[in-house]
Every structure is written in structure tokens, then in C-alpha cells.
Amino acid sequence: MITMTIDGKVITTKTNKTVLQVAKANNIYIPTLCAFSGLETRSVCRICSIEVKGEAFLNTACSTLVKEGMEIITNNDKVRNARKVLMAFILAEHGKSDNLVGQINKLAQELGVEKARLELTTKPDTASILPHSEYIKLTPALCIYCDRCISVCKYNIIHRAKKGATVTLTFGDNNESLDKTNCVHCGDCISVCPTGALAERV
């Protein structure tokens, strides 16, 4: 067992746990986006940024393991400003939060970021829907590349290709239709998607 503090609260906990896990167990709220219980930690969005006393740079709560004597700050100006900037980058890829649904829209409002403060040279077509399957559709403009769908797929079908403004999701070995892969249409990717980018085709 170790003793640490989060926002001044003294906590005794087991080792081999992340700051996010310990915070949740002690009813301390840290906003998250790409983190999802039971899935591999990828630290893609960095919305769960925290300050560890004595360290120059912010860490991610979802991937930082707790240590003896660690002092964590989850909600000061430095942390809040970092989260706002990160959310601004996400919104810059999608125009404004009105284009998004579910968890991402709620989080943007919570962080006080109502519209993009940045402009990217390349933006996805908000009307584009790719018919990747008879049962599943992908709307690229809604995808924030949190990698939840990649982590949850048991058949290693979903991948991320390219980087920056040109990043995209691909399926199978040659970016083919899901119907041409070994996808069983279990719907796990849909269930973990925070924006509705992957959805059931109706």
C-alpha cells in the first residue's frame, strides 16, 4: 500500500493503479475522452491531463501510475487551460461542437469550449457517410480518433492511417468494406464510440 494526495485529499491505495483509477475510486472527477473501462490505455486525447507536483510537464491520469508520496492536482489553471486547448484542436477538425453528439459535445460544454479557436487547412466533409457495411456506417466528420474502436475490436479489423489533418480510419488489410473482412458485426465498436461516428445502419 502507498499513501498519496489528490487535490489535497490524503489517499491510501494499492500500487499498480493509475491516477484515474484511484481518483474514480475516491469520487474525484477527472474528465476523460479516449479512456474507457476495460480497454487498452492509449492516452490519445490527453483530456485527462493532471499536474504531478515536482514535474515540469503535465501527465495523463489514465496512464500515470501512482507512487508513494505523489501529489496530484487535477483542477488548477494550468490543467484547465491545457484541456481547453486540447478540446479546441478537436473542435477545429469538426467546425463546432454542434456537429458532434453524445459525450464529446457534453465535454466541450463542460470545458467551456463552444467553438473552434483554430482553423485547419483540411476538414472532413460533414455530410460524408461511408457505407462500409450492410449493418455499420462510418461518418468520418464525427470521428475524433480516440482509438476506442481499435482497442475494442477482437478481430483487429479497425486501424488508423496517416497523421494530422489527413488521419483516417481504415478497415481490414487494404481499407476494404467491412463486409469483405472477418467482421462479425458484433457492434462493440459502435457501443464505445463517444461521438456516433460509428453507428448502426438503419
Protein backbone atom coordinates (compact mmCIF):
# COMPACT_ATOMS: atom_id res chain seq x y z
CA MET A 1 0.00 0.00 0.00
CA ILE A 2 1.08 3.59 -0.63
CA THR A 3 -0.06 7.00 0.56
CA MET A 4 -0.54 9.90 -1.86
CA THR A 5 -2.68 13.00 -2.25
CA ILE A 6 -5.11 14.13 -4.94
CA ASP A 7 -6.22 17.76 -4.67
CA GLY A 8 -5.09 17.77 -1.06
CA LYS A 9 -7.02 14.64 -0.11
CA VAL A 10 -4.81 12.00 1.54
CA ILE A 11 -5.41 8.60 -0.02
CA THR A 12 -4.08 5.15 0.82
CA THR A 13 -4.20 2.79 -2.14
CA LYS A 14 -2.60 -0.24 -3.74
CA THR A 15 0.25 0.07 -6.21
CA ASN A 16 -0.07 -0.73 -9.94
CA LYS A 17 -3.08 1.55 -10.27
CA THR A 18 -3.39 4.65 -12.42
CA VAL A 19 -4.20 8.08 -11.07
CA LEU A 20 -7.51 7.90 -12.93
CA GLN A 21 -8.46 4.61 -11.27
CA VAL A 22 -7.60 5.92 -7.81
CA ALA A 23 -9.43 9.20 -8.43
CA LYS A 24 -12.59 7.39 -9.53
CA ALA A 25 -12.44 5.09 -6.50
CA ASN A 26 -12.33 8.18 -4.28
CA ASN A 27 -15.08 10.13 -6.09
CA ILE A 28 -12.65 12.67 -7.57
CA TYR A 29 -13.72 13.70 -11.05
CA ILE A 30 -11.21 13.85 -13.91
CA PRO A 31 -12.67 14.37 -17.41
CA THR A 32 -11.81 11.68 -19.95
CA LEU A 33 -12.49 11.01 -23.59
CA CYS A 34 -10.41 8.17 -25.03
CA ALA A 35 -10.21 6.25 -21.75
CA PHE A 36 -12.81 3.51 -21.41
CA SER A 37 -13.08 0.88 -18.69
CA GLY A 38 -11.76 -2.50 -19.83
CA LEU A 39 -9.92 -1.18 -22.90
CA GLU A 40 -6.21 -0.73 -23.51
CA THR A 41 -4.91 2.65 -22.35
CA ARG A 42 -3.66 4.69 -25.31
CA SER A 43 -3.55 8.26 -23.91
CA VAL A 44 -4.60 9.67 -27.26
CA CYS A 45 -6.76 12.65 -26.34
CA ARG A 46 -4.90 13.81 -23.18
CA ILE A 47 -8.11 15.41 -21.88
CA CYS A 48 -7.39 13.73 -18.53
CA SER A 49 -4.24 15.83 -18.10
CA ILE A 50 -3.13 16.36 -14.50
CA GLU A 51 -0.25 18.05 -12.72
CA VAL A 52 2.18 15.97 -10.67
CA LYS A 53 3.93 18.17 -8.14
CA GLY A 54 7.64 18.44 -8.91
CA GLU A 55 7.30 17.58 -12.61
CA ALA A 56 7.63 20.21 -15.33
CA PHE A 57 5.09 18.79 -17.76
CA LEU A 58 1.52 17.61 -17.38
CA ASN A 59 0.79 13.89 -17.27
CA THR A 60 -2.24 11.86 -18.29
CA ALA A 61 -4.26 10.40 -15.43
CA CYS A 62 -5.21 7.33 -17.48
CA SER A 63 -1.60 6.19 -17.91
CA THR A 64 0.27 7.59 -14.89
CA LEU A 65 0.81 5.00 -12.17
CA VAL A 66 0.52 6.14 -8.55
CA LYS A 67 3.62 6.26 -6.35
CA GLU A 68 4.38 6.74 -2.68
CA GLY A 69 4.18 10.40 -1.69
CA MET A 70 2.83 11.54 -5.07
CA GLU A 71 0.92 14.83 -5.01
CA ILE A 72 -1.63 15.23 -7.80
CA ILE A 73 -3.51 18.37 -8.84
CA THR A 74 -6.48 17.80 -11.13
CA ASN A 75 -8.11 21.20 -11.42
CA ASN A 76 -5.87 24.28 -11.39
CA ASP A 77 -5.49 26.96 -14.08
CA LYS A 78 -2.62 25.15 -15.81
CA VAL A 79 -4.60 21.92 -16.12
CA ARG A 80 -7.86 23.60 -17.14
CA ASN A 81 -6.15 25.69 -19.83
CA ALA A 82 -4.41 22.62 -21.25
CA ARG A 83 -7.72 20.76 -21.50
CA LYS A 84 -9.32 23.72 -23.26
CA VAL A 85 -6.53 23.85 -25.84
CA LEU A 86 -6.81 20.11 -26.46
CA MET A 87 -10.56 20.40 -26.94
CA ALA A 88 -10.05 23.37 -29.26
CA PHE A 89 -7.90 21.17 -31.51
CA ILE A 90 -10.65 18.55 -31.60
CA LEU A 91 -13.29 21.13 -32.48
CA ALA A 92 -11.02 22.64 -35.13
CA GLU A 93 -11.33 19.36 -37.01
CA HIS A 94 -15.11 19.44 -36.81
CA GLY A 95 -16.07 23.11 -37.04
CA LYS A 96 -18.04 23.46 -33.81
CA SER A 97 -19.45 21.31 -31.06
CA ASP A 98 -22.93 21.43 -32.63
CA ASN A 99 -21.62 18.98 -35.24
CA LEU A 100 -20.83 16.44 -32.55
CA VAL A 101 -23.06 14.33 -30.37
CA GLY A 102 -23.00 12.46 -27.11
CA GLN A 103 -20.04 12.53 -24.78
CA ILE A 104 -17.83 14.84 -26.84
CA ASN A 105 -20.47 17.58 -27.07
CA LYS A 106 -21.14 17.40 -23.34
CA LEU A 107 -17.43 17.56 -22.56
CA ALA A 108 -16.85 20.56 -24.84
CA GLN A 109 -19.57 22.46 -22.99
CA GLU A 110 -18.19 21.37 -19.63
CA LEU A 111 -14.73 22.69 -20.51
CA GLY A 112 -16.20 25.95 -21.77
CA VAL A 113 -15.11 25.47 -25.37
CA GLU A 114 -18.13 26.28 -27.52
CA LYS A 115 -16.42 26.77 -30.86
CA ALA A 116 -13.12 26.16 -32.56
CA ARG A 117 -10.44 28.78 -31.98
CA LEU A 118 -8.22 27.23 -34.63
CA GLU A 119 -8.64 26.63 -38.33
CA LEU A 120 -7.19 23.59 -40.09
CA THR A 121 -6.43 23.62 -43.79
CA THR A 122 -8.18 20.29 -44.27
CA LYS A 123 -11.55 19.48 -42.74
CA PRO A 124 -13.67 16.37 -43.20
CA ASP A 125 -16.87 16.55 -45.19
CA THR A 126 -19.60 16.73 -42.54
CA ALA A 127 -22.11 15.17 -44.93
CA SER A 128 -19.93 12.21 -45.90
CA ILE A 129 -21.11 8.79 -44.74
CA LEU A 130 -19.14 5.77 -45.87
CA PRO A 131 -21.16 2.59 -46.50
CA HIS A 132 -18.57 0.25 -45.01
CA SER A 133 -21.08 -2.42 -44.13
CA GLU A 134 -24.64 -3.51 -44.58
CA TYR A 135 -25.03 -3.02 -40.83
CA ILE A 136 -22.45 -0.39 -39.79
CA LYS A 137 -21.82 3.09 -41.16
CA LEU A 138 -18.89 5.45 -40.61
CA THR A 139 -19.25 9.24 -40.64
CA PRO A 140 -15.63 10.48 -40.84
CA ALA A 141 -16.52 14.04 -39.82
CA LEU A 142 -17.67 12.78 -36.43
CA CYS A 143 -14.58 10.68 -35.72
CA ILE A 144 -12.15 12.19 -33.19
CA TYR A 145 -9.69 9.26 -33.41
CA CYS A 146 -9.90 8.31 -29.75
CA ASP A 147 -8.96 4.73 -30.78
CA ARG A 148 -11.68 3.13 -28.64
CA CYS A 149 -12.98 1.16 -31.61
CA ILE A 150 -9.46 -0.03 -32.43
CA SER A 151 -8.93 -1.24 -28.88
CA VAL A 152 -12.28 -2.99 -28.54
CA CYS A 153 -12.20 -4.88 -31.85
CA LYS A 154 -11.41 -8.53 -31.09
CA TYR A 155 -10.59 -9.25 -34.72
CA ASN A 156 -8.04 -6.45 -35.30
CA ILE A 157 -10.04 -5.09 -38.23
CA ILE A 158 -10.06 -1.35 -37.49
CA HIS A 159 -6.87 0.66 -37.97
CA ARG A 160 -5.71 4.27 -38.00
CA ALA A 161 -3.93 5.54 -41.12
CA LYS A 162 -1.98 8.73 -41.85
CA LYS A 163 -1.43 11.57 -39.38
CA GLY A 164 -2.52 15.11 -38.60
CA ALA A 165 -5.39 16.59 -40.60
CA THR A 166 -5.35 13.64 -43.03
CA VAL A 167 -5.76 10.91 -40.39
CA THR A 168 -8.47 8.38 -41.15
CA LEU A 169 -9.86 5.02 -40.07
CA THR A 170 -9.29 2.02 -42.31
CA PHE A 171 -10.72 -1.49 -42.27
CA GLY A 172 -9.04 -4.80 -42.96
CA ASP A 173 -5.66 -5.10 -44.64
CA ASN A 174 -6.49 -2.95 -47.66
CA ASN A 175 -9.08 -0.46 -46.38
CA GLU A 176 -11.90 -2.55 -47.74
CA SER A 177 -15.57 -2.77 -46.92
CA LEU A 178 -16.27 -4.29 -43.51
CA ASP A 179 -18.39 -6.88 -45.30
CA LYS A 180 -15.22 -8.15 -47.00
CA THR A 181 -13.34 -8.59 -43.71
CA ASN A 182 -13.90 -11.11 -40.94
CA CYS A 183 -16.11 -8.60 -39.08
CA VAL A 184 -18.97 -10.38 -37.31
CA HIS A 185 -20.96 -7.15 -36.78
CA CYS A 186 -20.96 -7.60 -33.00
CA GLY A 187 -21.47 -3.86 -32.52
CA ASP A 188 -18.73 -3.41 -29.91
CA CYS A 189 -17.16 -0.57 -31.90
CA ILE A 190 -20.49 1.23 -32.00
CA SER A 191 -21.07 0.81 -28.27
CA VAL A 192 -17.78 2.50 -27.29
CA CYS A 193 -17.82 5.33 -29.86
CA PRO A 194 -18.31 8.65 -27.98
CA THR A 195 -19.48 10.69 -30.99
CA GLY A 196 -21.65 8.42 -33.12
CA ALA A 197 -19.03 8.26 -35.88
CA LEU A 198 -19.61 4.52 -35.99
CA ALA A 199 -23.30 3.76 -35.90
CA GLU A 200 -25.84 1.15 -36.85
CA ARG A 201 -27.08 1.47 -40.41
CA VAL A 202 -30.86 1.81 -40.41
